[in-house]
Amino acid sequence: MEQQHHTNRRFLVKGIKYLAVTLPLMFMGPVVINSAFKNPNHPLYYFVLGLGIFMCITSMILFFKGIQTLMKSLFGK
């Protein structure tokens, strides 16, 4: 008889936290990039563009880690 796996609540909460941080970054990153493209002659253009790209990449990484952690909590190791 197989043993049932139970949800690991610690990993579940950790995955939800990752996804909670990801959601605002998913929206703020493209807005910051768009703002940078609207002002190409501004002295902080490259800084703002880099910040927007960093936010988008961070949101993708955190989304992947969040989904991975949720799957680990639901289906075990």
N, C-alpha and C. Protein backbone atom coordinates (compact mmCIF):
# COMPACT_ATOMS: atom_id res chain seq x y z
N MET A 1 0.84 -1.18 0.00
CA MET A 1 0.00 0.00 0.00
C MET A 1 0.88 1.24 0.00
N GLU A 2 0.56 2.21 -0.88
CA GLU A 2 1.38 3.41 -1.00
C GLU A 2 1.07 4.41 0.08
N GLN A 3 2.09 5.13 0.45
CA GLN A 3 1.93 6.17 1.47
C GLN A 3 1.48 7.46 0.79
N GLN A 4 0.50 8.14 1.39
CA GLN A 4 0.01 9.40 0.82
C GLN A 4 0.95 10.54 1.18
N HIS A 5 1.15 11.44 0.23
CA HIS A 5 1.96 12.62 0.47
C HIS A 5 1.05 13.75 0.92
N HIS A 6 1.48 14.47 1.92
CA HIS A 6 0.72 15.61 2.40
C HIS A 6 1.42 16.89 1.97
N THR A 7 0.65 17.94 1.88
CA THR A 7 1.19 19.23 1.47
C THR A 7 2.13 19.77 2.54
N ASN A 8 3.31 20.15 2.12
CA ASN A 8 4.28 20.75 3.02
C ASN A 8 3.95 22.25 3.11
N ARG A 9 3.39 22.66 4.23
CA ARG A 9 2.90 24.03 4.37
C ARG A 9 4.02 25.06 4.33
N ARG A 10 5.20 24.69 4.81
CA ARG A 10 6.32 25.63 4.82
C ARG A 10 6.71 26.00 3.39
N PHE A 11 6.81 24.99 2.51
CA PHE A 11 7.13 25.26 1.12
C PHE A 11 5.99 25.97 0.41
N LEU A 12 4.76 25.64 0.78
CA LEU A 12 3.61 26.29 0.17
C LEU A 12 3.61 27.79 0.46
N VAL A 13 3.86 28.16 1.71
CA VAL A 13 3.89 29.58 2.08
C VAL A 13 5.07 30.28 1.40
N LYS A 14 6.20 29.60 1.31
CA LYS A 14 7.38 30.18 0.66
C LYS A 14 7.09 30.43 -0.83
N GLY A 15 6.44 29.48 -1.49
CA GLY A 15 6.09 29.65 -2.90
C GLY A 15 5.11 30.77 -3.12
N ILE A 16 4.14 30.90 -2.23
CA ILE A 16 3.17 31.99 -2.34
C ILE A 16 3.84 33.34 -2.12
N LYS A 17 4.82 33.40 -1.24
CA LYS A 17 5.57 34.65 -1.02
C LYS A 17 6.34 35.03 -2.28
N TYR A 18 6.97 34.05 -2.93
CA TYR A 18 7.67 34.33 -4.18
C TYR A 18 6.70 34.92 -5.21
N LEU A 19 5.54 34.30 -5.33
CA LEU A 19 4.57 34.76 -6.32
C LEU A 19 3.98 36.12 -5.94
N ALA A 20 3.88 36.41 -4.65
CA ALA A 20 3.37 37.71 -4.21
C ALA A 20 4.35 38.83 -4.55
N VAL A 21 5.63 38.54 -4.51
CA VAL A 21 6.64 39.54 -4.90
C VAL A 21 6.69 39.65 -6.43
N THR A 22 6.45 38.57 -7.12
CA THR A 22 6.51 38.55 -8.58
C THR A 22 5.43 39.41 -9.21
N LEU A 23 4.23 39.38 -8.68
CA LEU A 23 3.09 40.06 -9.30
C LEU A 23 3.33 41.56 -9.49
N PRO A 24 3.76 42.31 -8.47
CA PRO A 24 4.01 43.73 -8.73
C PRO A 24 5.16 43.98 -9.71
N LEU A 25 6.19 43.12 -9.64
CA LEU A 25 7.32 43.29 -10.56
C LEU A 25 6.92 43.06 -12.01
N MET A 26 5.96 42.16 -12.23
CA MET A 26 5.49 41.88 -13.59
C MET A 26 4.86 43.11 -14.23
N PHE A 27 4.25 43.95 -13.42
CA PHE A 27 3.61 45.15 -13.94
C PHE A 27 4.55 46.36 -13.91
N MET A 28 5.37 46.47 -12.88
CA MET A 28 6.23 47.64 -12.75
C MET A 28 7.38 47.63 -13.75
N GLY A 29 7.93 46.47 -14.07
CA GLY A 29 9.04 46.39 -15.00
C GLY A 29 8.73 46.98 -16.37
N PRO A 30 7.67 46.51 -17.05
CA PRO A 30 7.33 47.09 -18.36
C PRO A 30 6.96 48.57 -18.29
N VAL A 31 6.35 49.00 -17.19
CA VAL A 31 6.00 50.42 -17.05
C VAL A 31 7.27 51.26 -16.97
N VAL A 32 8.26 50.79 -16.22
CA VAL A 32 9.53 51.51 -16.09
C VAL A 32 10.27 51.52 -17.43
N ILE A 33 10.26 50.41 -18.15
CA ILE A 33 10.91 50.36 -19.47
C ILE A 33 10.22 51.33 -20.43
N ASN A 34 8.90 51.34 -20.42
CA ASN A 34 8.15 52.26 -21.27
C ASN A 34 8.46 53.71 -20.92
N SER A 35 8.57 54.00 -19.64
CA SER A 35 8.91 55.35 -19.21
C SER A 35 10.30 55.75 -19.70
N ALA A 36 11.23 54.81 -19.68
CA ALA A 36 12.58 55.10 -20.17
C ALA A 36 12.56 55.37 -21.67
N PHE A 37 11.79 54.59 -22.43
CA PHE A 37 11.74 54.79 -23.87
C PHE A 37 11.06 56.10 -24.26
N LYS A 38 10.21 56.63 -23.40
CA LYS A 38 9.55 57.90 -23.68
C LYS A 38 10.49 59.09 -23.48
N ASN A 39 11.56 58.92 -22.71
CA ASN A 39 12.50 60.00 -22.41
C ASN A 39 13.93 59.60 -22.76
N PRO A 40 14.25 59.38 -24.04
CA PRO A 40 15.60 58.91 -24.38
C PRO A 40 16.69 59.96 -24.18
N ASN A 41 16.34 61.23 -24.09
CA ASN A 41 17.35 62.28 -23.93
C ASN A 41 17.62 62.63 -22.48
N HIS A 42 16.94 61.97 -21.57
CA HIS A 42 17.13 62.25 -20.14
C HIS A 42 18.48 61.68 -19.69
N PRO A 43 19.16 62.38 -18.75
CA PRO A 43 20.48 61.87 -18.32
C PRO A 43 20.43 60.52 -17.61
N LEU A 44 19.31 60.17 -17.03
CA LEU A 44 19.20 58.88 -16.33
C LEU A 44 18.54 57.80 -17.19
N TYR A 45 18.54 57.99 -18.50
CA TYR A 45 17.88 57.05 -19.42
C TYR A 45 18.39 55.62 -19.24
N TYR A 46 19.70 55.45 -19.26
CA TYR A 46 20.26 54.10 -19.19
C TYR A 46 20.03 53.47 -17.81
N PHE A 47 20.06 54.27 -16.78
CA PHE A 47 19.80 53.75 -15.44
C PHE A 47 18.36 53.25 -15.32
N VAL A 48 17.40 54.06 -15.80
CA VAL A 48 15.99 53.68 -15.72
C VAL A 48 15.70 52.48 -16.60
N LEU A 49 16.30 52.45 -17.79
CA LEU A 49 16.12 51.29 -18.67
C LEU A 49 16.69 50.03 -18.04
N GLY A 50 17.87 50.13 -17.47
CA GLY A 50 18.48 48.98 -16.79
C GLY A 50 17.66 48.52 -15.61
N LEU A 51 17.11 49.48 -14.86
CA LEU A 51 16.25 49.13 -13.73
C LEU A 51 15.01 48.37 -14.20
N GLY A 52 14.40 48.82 -15.28
CA GLY A 52 13.22 48.13 -15.81
C GLY A 52 13.54 46.73 -16.30
N ILE A 53 14.66 46.57 -16.98
CA ILE A 53 15.07 45.24 -17.45
C ILE A 53 15.38 44.33 -16.27
N PHE A 54 16.05 44.90 -15.25
CA PHE A 54 16.34 44.12 -14.04
C PHE A 54 15.05 43.65 -13.36
N MET A 55 14.05 44.53 -13.31
CA MET A 55 12.77 44.16 -12.69
C MET A 55 12.08 43.04 -13.46
N CYS A 56 12.12 43.11 -14.79
CA CYS A 56 11.49 42.06 -15.60
C CYS A 56 12.19 40.72 -15.44
N ILE A 57 13.51 40.74 -15.46
CA ILE A 57 14.26 39.49 -15.31
C ILE A 57 14.05 38.90 -13.92
N THR A 58 14.04 39.77 -12.91
CA THR A 58 13.80 39.31 -11.53
C THR A 58 12.42 38.69 -11.40
N SER A 59 11.42 39.31 -12.05
CA SER A 59 10.07 38.74 -11.95
C SER A 59 9.99 37.37 -12.61
N MET A 60 10.69 37.19 -13.72
CA MET A 60 10.69 35.87 -14.38
C MET A 60 11.36 34.81 -13.50
N ILE A 61 12.48 35.17 -12.89
CA ILE A 61 13.18 34.22 -12.02
C ILE A 61 12.34 33.87 -10.80
N LEU A 62 11.75 34.89 -10.17
CA LEU A 62 10.93 34.63 -8.98
C LEU A 62 9.67 33.84 -9.33
N PHE A 63 9.10 34.08 -10.52
CA PHE A 63 7.93 33.31 -10.94
C PHE A 63 8.29 31.84 -11.09
N PHE A 64 9.43 31.57 -11.73
CA PHE A 64 9.88 30.19 -11.90
C PHE A 64 10.13 29.53 -10.55
N LYS A 65 10.84 30.23 -9.65
CA LYS A 65 11.12 29.68 -8.32
C LYS A 65 9.84 29.47 -7.52
N GLY A 66 8.88 30.38 -7.65
CA GLY A 66 7.62 30.25 -6.93
C GLY A 66 6.83 29.04 -7.39
N ILE A 67 6.72 28.86 -8.70
CA ILE A 67 5.99 27.69 -9.23
C ILE A 67 6.73 26.41 -8.85
N GLN A 68 8.04 26.43 -8.94
CA GLN A 68 8.84 25.25 -8.56
C GLN A 68 8.64 24.90 -7.09
N THR A 69 8.61 25.90 -6.23
CA THR A 69 8.41 25.66 -4.80
C THR A 69 7.00 25.17 -4.51
N LEU A 70 6.01 25.71 -5.21
CA LEU A 70 4.65 25.20 -5.04
C LEU A 70 4.53 23.75 -5.45
N MET A 71 5.14 23.39 -6.56
CA MET A 71 5.10 21.99 -7.00
C MET A 71 5.80 21.08 -6.00
N LYS A 72 6.91 21.57 -5.43
CA LYS A 72 7.61 20.77 -4.43
C LYS A 72 6.74 20.57 -3.19
N SER A 73 5.97 21.61 -2.82
CA SER A 73 5.13 21.48 -1.63
C SER A 73 3.95 20.54 -1.87
N LEU A 74 3.44 20.53 -3.08
CA LEU A 74 2.26 19.72 -3.38
C LEU A 74 2.60 18.25 -3.66
N PHE A 75 3.70 18.02 -4.36
CA PHE A 75 4.01 16.67 -4.82
C PHE A 75 5.23 16.04 -4.16
N GLY A 76 5.76 16.67 -3.15
CA GLY A 76 6.88 16.09 -2.43
C GLY A 76 8.20 16.38 -3.12
N LYS A 77 9.21 15.60 -2.77
CA LYS A 77 10.55 15.84 -3.30
C LYS A 77 10.60 15.32 -4.67
